[in-house]
Protein backbone atom coordinates (compact mmCIF):
# COMPACT_ATOMS: atom_id res chain seq x y z
CA MET A 1 -1.98 59.12 6.46
CA LYS A 2 -1.44 57.89 2.59
CA GLN A 3 -3.14 54.72 2.02
CA ILE A 4 -0.52 51.68 1.03
CA PHE A 5 -1.69 48.71 -0.98
CA SER A 6 -0.21 45.40 -0.72
CA TYR A 7 -0.02 43.00 -3.34
CA ASN A 8 -0.58 39.04 -2.81
CA LYS A 9 2.80 37.38 -2.15
CA PHE A 10 3.32 34.59 -4.45
CA ASN A 11 4.62 32.59 -1.19
CA GLU A 12 8.34 31.85 -3.36
CA ASP A 13 11.16 33.79 -2.30
CA ILE A 14 12.87 34.66 -5.68
CA ALA A 15 9.39 36.03 -6.93
CA ASP A 16 8.44 38.06 -3.89
CA GLY A 17 11.96 39.37 -3.48
CA LEU A 18 11.99 41.05 -7.48
CA VAL A 19 8.70 42.66 -6.50
CA GLU A 20 9.94 44.09 -3.57
CA THR A 21 12.99 45.28 -5.17
CA CYS A 22 11.47 47.04 -7.98
CA TYR A 23 8.98 48.31 -5.68
CA SER A 24 12.10 49.96 -3.43
CA LEU A 25 13.59 51.02 -6.82
CA ALA A 26 10.06 52.93 -7.68
CA GLN A 27 10.45 54.65 -3.95
CA LYS A 28 13.94 55.59 -4.87
CA SER A 29 13.14 57.16 -8.46
CA ILE A 30 10.03 58.98 -5.99
CA GLU A 31 12.28 60.33 -3.97
CA GLY A 32 14.76 61.63 -6.90
CA LYS A 33 17.63 59.54 -6.08
CA ASN A 34 17.50 57.55 -9.48
CA ASN A 35 21.08 59.18 -10.45
CA THR A 36 23.03 58.03 -7.63
CA PRO A 37 25.90 55.08 -8.23
CA GLU A 38 23.73 52.93 -5.69
CA TYR A 39 20.71 53.06 -7.35
CA ILE A 40 22.29 52.88 -10.77
CA GLU A 41 23.95 49.03 -9.62
CA ALA A 42 20.59 48.10 -7.93
CA ASN A 43 18.70 48.49 -11.29
CA LYS A 44 21.23 47.00 -12.96
CA THR A 45 21.38 43.90 -10.89
CA PHE A 46 17.54 43.75 -10.74
CA ASN A 47 17.25 43.71 -14.40
CA GLN A 48 19.30 40.82 -14.59
CA GLU A 49 17.57 39.11 -12.23
CA PHE A 50 14.22 39.58 -13.32
CA MET A 51 15.25 38.10 -16.60
CA LYS A 52 16.80 35.41 -15.37
CA TYR A 53 13.52 34.42 -13.15
CA CYS A 54 11.65 34.82 -16.54
CA VAL A 55 13.45 33.04 -18.99
CA GLU A 56 14.17 29.96 -16.11
CA ASN A 57 10.60 30.20 -15.32
CA ALA A 58 9.56 29.56 -18.93
CA GLY A 59 11.76 26.32 -19.16
CA MET A 60 14.64 27.48 -20.49
CA LYS A 61 18.69 27.97 -19.43
CA TRP A 62 19.93 31.18 -18.68
CA SER A 63 22.95 32.16 -20.47
CA GLY A 64 22.88 35.91 -20.14
CA LEU A 65 21.39 39.15 -21.32
CA ASP A 66 21.85 38.48 -24.88
CA MET A 67 19.77 35.85 -25.33
CA ILE A 68 17.18 38.70 -24.17
CA LYS A 69 17.66 39.83 -27.74
CA ASN A 70 16.48 36.58 -29.44
CA PRO A 71 12.63 36.60 -30.47
CA MET A 72 12.68 32.97 -29.62
CA VAL A 73 13.04 34.10 -25.96
CA TYR A 74 10.97 36.87 -25.19
CA LYS A 75 7.95 35.73 -27.24
CA LYS A 76 7.93 32.96 -25.22
CA SER A 77 4.50 32.79 -23.39
CA GLY A 78 6.16 31.66 -20.39
CA PHE A 79 8.23 34.08 -20.39
CA LEU A 80 5.83 37.03 -21.02
CA GLU A 81 3.46 35.57 -17.97
CA THR A 82 6.29 35.81 -15.71
CA PHE A 83 7.11 39.58 -17.04
CA ASP A 84 3.61 40.62 -16.50
CA THR A 85 3.27 38.73 -13.21
CA ILE A 86 6.32 40.49 -11.61
CA LEU A 87 5.96 44.10 -13.22
CA ALA A 88 1.92 43.87 -11.85
CA GLY A 89 3.30 43.08 -8.40
CA ALA A 90 5.42 45.82 -7.93
CA ILE A 91 2.86 48.56 -9.69
CA THR A 92 0.21 47.45 -7.19
CA PRO A 93 1.74 49.76 -4.15
CA VAL A 94 3.16 52.35 -6.33
CA VAL A 95 0.04 53.68 -7.30
CA PRO A 96 -1.84 54.68 -4.66
CA THR A 97 1.38 55.88 -2.83
CA VAL A 98 1.50 58.36 -5.15
CA ALA A 99 -1.64 59.42 -5.90
CA ALA A 100 -2.18 60.27 -1.88
CA SER A 101 0.39 62.81 -1.81
CA GLY A 102 -1.22 66.25 -0.88
CA TYR A 103 -5.00 65.04 -1.39
CA GLU A 104 -4.93 62.80 1.60
CA GLN A 105 -7.09 65.57 3.24
CA LEU A 106 -10.07 65.60 1.01
CA TYR A 107 -10.58 62.05 0.22
CA ASP A 108 -10.98 58.29 1.60
CA VAL A 109 -9.87 55.40 0.13
CA THR A 110 -11.67 52.52 0.40
CA GLN A 111 -10.99 49.00 -0.73
CA VAL A 112 -13.32 46.46 -2.24
CA GLY A 113 -13.27 42.69 -3.28
CA PHE A 114 -13.39 41.89 -7.16
CA GLY A 115 -17.19 42.55 -7.96
CA ASP A 116 -18.21 44.54 -4.99
CA VAL A 117 -19.36 47.99 -4.52
CA ALA A 118 -18.51 50.51 -1.57
CA LYS A 119 -21.57 51.32 0.94
CA TYR A 120 -21.66 54.46 2.84
CA GLU A 121 -24.10 55.20 5.15
CA VAL A 122 -24.38 59.20 6.23
CA ASP A 123 -25.98 59.78 9.49
CA SER A 124 -28.90 62.08 9.78
CA ASN A 125 -28.02 65.55 10.95
CA GLU A 126 -31.38 66.59 11.20
CA LEU A 127 -32.54 67.44 14.91
CA PHE A 128 -35.94 66.80 16.01
CA ILE A 129 -38.14 69.44 16.23
CA VAL A 130 -40.03 69.93 19.83
CA ASN A 131 -43.75 70.18 19.24
CA SER A 132 -45.52 72.71 21.81
CA LEU A 133 -49.11 70.95 21.84
CA ALA A 134 -52.36 72.48 23.15
CA GLU A 135 -54.61 70.95 25.93
CA GLY A 136 -56.21 67.95 24.82
CA ILE A 137 -53.81 67.02 21.73
CA ALA A 138 -52.05 63.57 22.74
CA ARG A 139 -49.01 63.81 20.70
CA GLY A 140 -47.41 65.99 17.37
CA GLY A 141 -46.43 64.53 14.48
CA VAL A 142 -44.18 61.61 14.19
CA GLN A 143 -40.78 61.63 13.21
CA THR A 144 -38.38 59.19 11.71
CA ALA A 145 -34.98 58.99 12.99
CA SER A 146 -33.10 57.46 9.50
CA ASN A 147 -29.96 57.44 7.71
CA THR A 148 -29.00 57.56 4.29
CA GLU A 149 -27.04 54.56 2.26
CA TYR A 150 -25.27 55.42 -1.20
CA THR A 151 -22.81 53.08 -2.94
CA ILE A 152 -19.82 53.63 -5.40
CA SER A 153 -18.89 51.16 -7.62
CA ALA A 154 -15.04 50.88 -9.67
CA LYS A 155 -14.59 51.24 -13.25
CA ARG A 156 -11.77 50.17 -15.14
CA GLU A 157 -9.28 52.40 -15.98
CA GLN A 158 -6.27 51.38 -18.31
CA ILE A 159 -2.54 52.87 -19.50
CA SER A 160 -1.27 51.07 -22.51
CA LEU A 161 2.65 51.74 -22.90
CA TYR A 162 5.33 50.04 -25.11
CA VAL A 163 9.21 49.65 -23.51
CA ASP A 164 12.34 49.36 -25.61
CA TRP A 165 13.44 45.45 -25.57
CA TYR A 166 16.91 46.34 -26.21
CA HIS A 167 17.53 48.77 -23.62
CA VAL A 168 16.27 45.85 -21.33
CA ALA A 169 18.75 43.29 -23.05
CA ALA A 170 21.36 46.01 -22.48
CA GLY A 171 20.45 46.50 -18.97
CA ARG A 172 19.63 50.11 -19.36
CA GLN A 173 15.78 50.12 -18.60
CA ASP A 174 15.22 52.22 -15.40
CA TRP A 175 12.57 50.04 -13.76
CA GLY A 176 12.18 52.47 -10.74
CA LYS A 177 11.54 55.32 -13.12
CA LEU A 178 9.10 53.58 -15.31
CA LEU A 179 6.92 52.63 -12.31
CA GLN A 180 7.20 56.13 -11.10
CA LYS A 181 5.83 57.22 -13.67
CA ILE A 182 2.97 54.89 -14.37
CA GLY A 183 2.32 55.81 -10.76
CA ALA A 184 2.46 59.54 -11.47
CA SER A 185 0.21 59.18 -14.77
CA PHE A 186 -2.70 57.18 -12.71
CA ALA A 187 -1.92 60.21 -9.85
CA ALA A 188 -2.52 62.76 -11.94
CA TYR A 189 -5.54 61.05 -13.19
CA ILE A 190 -7.38 60.37 -10.01
CA GLN A 191 -6.18 63.94 -8.83
CA ALA A 192 -8.13 65.46 -12.35
CA ARG A 193 -11.13 63.94 -11.27
CA LEU A 194 -11.20 64.63 -7.46
CA ALA A 195 -10.87 68.39 -9.00
CA LYS A 196 -13.52 67.97 -11.02
CA VAL A 197 -15.92 66.21 -8.12
CA MET A 198 -15.06 69.21 -6.06
CA ALA A 199 -15.99 71.53 -8.31
CA SER A 200 -19.36 69.77 -8.90
CA ILE A 201 -19.68 70.33 -5.25
CA ILE A 202 -19.29 74.20 -5.54
CA THR A 203 -20.73 74.98 -8.66
CA ASN A 204 -23.58 72.39 -8.41
CA ASN A 205 -24.00 72.14 -4.64
CA THR A 206 -27.77 71.33 -4.30
CA ASP A 207 -27.13 67.98 -6.51
CA VAL A 208 -23.06 66.47 -6.23
CA ALA A 209 -22.60 64.07 -8.67
CA THR A 210 -25.54 61.54 -7.49
CA ASN A 211 -28.97 62.77 -6.93
CA ASN A 212 -30.43 63.59 -3.59
CA GLN A 213 -26.85 64.11 -2.33
CA ASP A 214 -26.84 66.63 0.04
CA GLY A 215 -24.45 69.52 -1.15
CA ILE A 216 -23.04 72.75 0.48
CA ALA A 217 -26.18 75.38 -0.46
CA GLY A 218 -25.79 77.88 2.25
CA TYR A 219 -22.22 77.32 3.57
CA MET A 220 -20.50 79.04 0.87
CA ALA A 221 -19.47 82.67 0.51
CA ASN A 222 -18.33 84.56 -2.35
CA GLY A 223 -15.08 87.21 -1.98
CA LEU A 224 -12.68 86.99 0.83
CA THR A 225 -13.74 88.94 4.03
CA ASP A 226 -13.38 88.70 7.44
CA GLU A 227 -17.11 88.02 8.22
CA ASN A 228 -17.22 85.79 5.40
CA TRP A 229 -14.36 83.29 6.74
CA LEU A 230 -15.56 84.04 10.17
CA LYS A 231 -19.54 83.01 9.06
CA VAL A 232 -18.60 80.27 6.82
CA ALA A 233 -16.00 78.78 9.49
CA ARG A 234 -19.45 79.48 12.29
CA LEU A 235 -21.70 77.45 10.13
CA VAL A 236 -19.12 74.07 9.32
CA LYS A 237 -18.45 74.30 13.07
CA LEU A 238 -22.00 74.21 14.60
CA ALA A 239 -23.42 72.23 11.61
CA ASN A 240 -20.67 69.08 12.62
CA GLY A 241 -21.44 69.51 16.37
CA GLY A 242 -18.91 72.13 17.49
CA ALA A 243 -15.92 70.14 15.62
CA ASP A 244 -12.92 72.19 15.03
CA VAL A 245 -12.62 73.66 11.62
CA TYR A 246 -9.66 74.11 9.43
CA ALA A 247 -9.35 75.52 5.79
CA LEU A 248 -7.78 73.67 2.70
CA GLY A 249 -6.38 75.60 -0.51
CA THR A 250 -3.70 75.85 -3.04
CA SER A 251 -0.97 77.85 -1.83
CA ILE A 252 -1.72 80.76 -3.71
CA ALA A 253 -5.17 80.84 -2.54
CA LEU A 254 -4.11 80.36 1.34
CA ALA A 255 -1.78 83.34 0.12
CA SER A 256 -4.43 85.41 -0.20
CA VAL A 257 -5.65 85.37 3.37
CA LEU A 258 -3.96 88.29 5.17
CA PRO A 259 -5.02 91.15 7.97
CA ASP A 260 -5.69 94.42 6.91
CA SER A 261 -2.52 96.02 7.34
CA ALA A 262 1.15 94.09 9.15
CA LYS A 263 0.08 95.84 12.66
CA GLY A 264 -2.24 92.56 12.28
CA PHE A 265 0.45 90.28 12.78
CA ARG A 266 1.24 88.38 15.55
CA TYR A 267 4.96 87.69 16.60
CA GLY A 268 6.85 85.16 14.43
CA GLU A 269 3.41 85.02 11.43
CA ASP A 270 5.35 87.26 8.95
CA SER A 271 8.67 84.69 8.93
CA ALA A 272 5.70 82.27 8.49
CA ILE A 273 4.48 83.83 5.15
CA VAL A 274 8.65 84.54 3.86
CA ARG A 275 9.19 80.29 4.88
CA ASP A 276 5.43 78.71 3.54
CA GLY A 277 3.95 81.40 1.44
CA PHE A 278 1.07 81.61 3.96
CA LEU A 279 0.08 81.86 7.33
CA PRO A 280 -0.08 78.75 9.50
CA ASP A 281 -4.09 79.77 10.34
CA TYR A 282 -6.20 82.99 10.37
CA LYS A 283 -8.99 84.13 13.09
CA ASN A 284 -8.46 80.63 14.75
CA VAL A 285 -8.93 78.72 11.71
CA PRO A 286 -5.93 76.54 10.75
CA MET A 287 -4.65 76.50 7.11
CA ILE A 288 -2.95 73.63 5.38
CA GLU A 289 -1.76 73.44 1.80
CA LEU A 290 -3.19 70.91 -0.84
CA GLY A 291 -0.64 69.95 -3.40
CA ASN A 292 -1.51 70.37 -6.76
CA ALA A 293 -0.67 68.92 -10.13
CA LEU A 294 -0.13 69.50 -13.77
CA VAL A 295 -2.84 68.38 -16.30
CA PRO A 296 -0.90 65.45 -18.22
CA ASN A 297 -1.78 66.84 -21.76
CA THR A 298 -0.85 70.25 -21.13
CA ILE A 299 2.76 69.63 -19.51
CA ASN A 300 4.57 70.11 -22.79
CA GLY A 301 1.87 73.05 -23.92
CA GLU A 302 0.35 75.47 -22.06
CA PRO A 303 0.35 74.50 -18.50
CA GLU A 304 -2.77 74.18 -16.63
CA VAL A 305 -2.88 72.91 -12.78
CA VAL A 306 -5.80 70.37 -11.85
CA LEU A 307 -6.85 72.79 -8.79
CA PRO A 308 -8.25 76.08 -8.97
CA ASP A 309 -6.33 78.75 -6.97
CA ASP A 310 -9.50 80.78 -6.04
CA ILE A 311 -11.34 78.43 -3.88
CA ILE A 312 -10.60 77.92 -0.13
CA TYR A 313 -12.48 74.97 1.46
CA MET A 314 -13.54 74.73 5.15
CA LEU A 315 -13.58 70.92 6.58
CA PRO A 316 -14.82 69.69 10.08
CA LEU A 317 -11.54 68.00 11.90
CA GLY A 318 -12.34 64.32 12.04
CA MET A 319 -15.54 63.75 10.11
CA ASN A 320 -16.47 62.40 7.31
CA LYS A 321 -14.26 63.52 4.22
CA PRO A 322 -16.20 64.81 1.16
CA ILE A 323 -14.89 62.36 -1.63
CA LYS A 324 -14.68 58.76 -1.50
CA VAL A 325 -11.96 56.70 -3.57
CA VAL A 326 -12.84 53.08 -4.28
CA MET A 327 -10.23 50.56 -5.37
CA GLU A 328 -11.90 47.15 -6.36
CA GLY A 329 -9.18 44.13 -5.62
CA ASN A 330 -5.75 44.61 -4.35
CA THR A 331 -3.79 43.95 -7.40
CA VAL A 332 -3.22 45.95 -10.76
CA SER A 333 -3.12 44.17 -13.37
CA VAL A 334 -0.46 43.75 -16.44
CA GLU A 335 -1.17 42.08 -19.81
CA LYS A 336 0.65 41.87 -22.95
CA ASP A 337 -0.41 43.93 -26.12
CA PRO A 338 -1.84 41.33 -28.51
CA LEU A 339 -0.37 43.61 -31.19
CA PHE A 340 3.50 42.82 -30.15
CA ALA A 341 5.58 45.29 -32.29
CA ALA A 342 8.09 44.41 -34.79
CA ASP A 343 10.02 46.95 -34.17
CA HIS A 344 11.76 45.17 -30.63
CA THR A 345 9.46 46.89 -28.48
CA TYR A 346 7.36 45.08 -25.89
CA GLY A 347 3.70 46.69 -25.81
CA PHE A 348 1.74 46.00 -22.56
CA THR A 349 -1.45 47.70 -20.56
CA VAL A 350 -1.81 48.56 -17.10
CA ASP A 351 -5.26 47.92 -15.64
CA MET A 352 -6.66 48.99 -12.53
CA ARG A 353 -10.25 49.17 -11.28
CA MET A 354 -11.11 52.44 -9.39
CA GLY A 355 -14.38 54.82 -8.66
CA MET A 356 -14.89 58.15 -7.23
CA ASP A 357 -17.73 60.10 -6.15
CA ALA A 358 -18.80 62.77 -4.05
CA ILE A 359 -20.97 62.06 -0.44
CA VAL A 360 -20.97 65.34 1.63
CA GLY A 361 -21.88 63.18 5.16
CA SER A 362 -20.34 66.29 6.85
CA LYS A 363 -21.31 69.61 6.00
CA ILE A 364 -18.61 71.65 4.30
CA GLY A 365 -17.71 75.25 3.50
CA ALA A 366 -16.34 77.34 0.38
CA ILE A 367 -15.49 80.58 0.03
CA THR A 368 -14.63 81.62 -3.78
CA LEU A 369 -11.82 84.36 -3.73
CA ASN A 370 -13.15 86.16 -7.02
């Protein structure tokens, strides 16, 4: 399920209306509707109402968009503070909306207050040892029933960018697309970190990210064979109290899971492969595709994806997800760049506080395909 964060309402109809309109534009841009006449008109109307509100909130009289070209207007502190506040309110729910897409099976999102840390308690999965006692022995060794507690703190994450102020003054700034791009940039960063943490579980599975966290040694297999598939699924099932198990991977990874011959297909499975690229389930283990993303600085060069295509994960249904994402506070903050450019561009920074780590509270499995 996607995690959607709300902003703190200003309890002012105009300000709240502007934030909700801008967020609506971002949603339409995410859906690919930013070239429709309705979107273009809504964006134009929002731009004018946004600038009008900033001007009037700074104690000036609105006379039209042309006044936005005047540095005596757009450099006024009241104007800029209002601009940043509305923009921050609109960006706040966009980031987690974009970030959650395709990865919600791997991580849980926890929201904590400013200055707080997220606490996770992992129940001990060890069974008590039954002692066979000789006559005359009062009791066996005493065993402690204890759980383990882990904490994750958030750190500051930031994007610095500029917008062309003449585009704003001309009513041509696409606000929905701008917010979508900011959200997608944070999302790509989160997904890249998630992939790195998942890789650490596989490659360094006895010491996952934080010392003394249990990894998944013994729940891994190299090579995709029916024996490895059934063995890992069985171990994950048994280690989690008989929970149902499902497999996760990219579409390329899941496409590798096939019976030895076409005779092994059940009725309709061949058409499912043509439609989806992979089987819906294999050996009683449902398969779910993980969305992928391009590494940002490789988009215009040699493209690289953040999630490897040679690993299939097996997770217990309804149990603890292995990755924990912590969002501190419930707002994204926007601040103007103190080095305000002289070429009529407006620079600002977008800050959020986020933390991420692996806490393997429920045993998971993995099969490497190479």
